Protein backbone atom coordinates (compact mmCIF):
# COMPACT_ATOMS: atom_id res chain seq x y z
CA MET A 1 75.40 118.66 55.12
CA LYS A 2 78.85 119.84 56.50
CA LYS A 3 77.47 119.73 60.19
CA ALA A 4 76.21 116.14 59.57
CA THR A 5 79.81 115.05 58.35
CA LEU A 6 81.32 116.75 61.49
CA THR A 7 78.83 115.21 63.79
CA ALA A 8 79.58 111.54 62.15
CA LEU A 9 83.36 112.21 62.43
CA ALA A 10 82.96 113.18 66.07
CA LEU A 11 81.01 110.05 67.03
CA ALA A 12 83.41 107.97 65.13
CA SER A 13 86.37 109.49 66.85
CA SER A 14 84.75 109.03 70.35
CA PHE A 15 84.14 105.30 69.55
CA VAL A 16 87.73 104.77 68.67
CA LEU A 17 89.26 106.55 71.51
CA THR A 18 87.08 104.88 74.28
CA GLY A 19 87.30 101.44 72.62
CA CYS A 20 83.51 101.16 72.40
CA GLY A 21 83.63 97.57 73.32
CA GLY A 22 84.42 97.56 76.96
CA ASP A 23 87.25 95.71 78.63
CA LYS A 24 88.18 92.38 76.83
CA VAL A 25 90.22 89.79 78.71
CA GLU A 26 92.52 88.26 76.25
CA LYS A 27 92.41 84.40 76.64
CA THR A 28 95.59 82.25 76.11
CA ASN A 29 95.41 78.54 75.70
CA ASP A 30 98.48 77.53 77.71
CA PRO A 31 97.66 74.26 79.70
CA ALA A 32 100.73 74.36 81.62
CA ALA A 33 100.21 77.91 82.78
CA TYR A 34 96.57 77.07 83.58
CA LYS A 35 97.49 74.10 85.67
CA LYS A 36 100.20 76.03 87.61
CA CYS A 37 97.68 78.97 88.24
CA ILE A 38 95.10 76.45 89.47
CA GLU A 39 97.49 74.80 91.78
CA THR A 40 98.64 78.16 93.24
CA GLU A 41 95.01 79.81 93.53
CA ALA A 42 93.69 76.73 95.14
CA ALA A 43 96.46 76.59 97.67
CA LYS A 44 96.02 80.24 98.47
CA PHE A 45 92.14 79.63 99.08
CA LEU A 46 92.86 76.45 101.21
CA ASP A 47 95.45 78.59 103.25
CA GLU A 48 93.24 81.86 103.63
CA THR A 49 89.70 80.41 104.13
CA GLY A 50 90.25 76.65 105.50
CA SER A 51 87.77 75.69 102.88
CA ASN A 52 87.44 72.24 101.36
CA LEU A 53 89.41 71.39 98.31
CA GLU A 54 86.09 71.37 95.88
CA PHE A 55 85.52 75.00 96.91
CA ALA A 56 89.12 76.14 96.64
CA ASN A 57 89.35 74.50 93.27
CA GLY A 58 86.21 76.19 92.09
CA LYS A 59 87.46 79.67 93.19
CA ALA A 60 90.76 78.85 91.52
CA ALA A 61 89.30 78.14 88.11
CA GLU A 62 87.35 81.63 88.52
CA ALA A 63 90.69 83.27 89.26
CA CYS A 64 92.45 81.46 86.25
CA GLU A 65 89.64 81.70 83.68
CA ALA A 66 91.67 83.93 81.28
CA LEU A 67 94.45 81.31 81.00
CA GLN A 68 92.08 78.64 79.81
């Protein structure tokens, strides 16, 4: 019985120490920050790739997803 308790404690400790849920992106709900991020990122994509506005806005939305 003692070995089972020690094993359970070791497993629980490993889950606590490693987070056991993977990386979580904390989302915020700040419309002003999201809009600013979209504008900035879309401008970067337009400058760097010479792509059209629709493509740049799509990529910007992916980059700013955590702010939405």
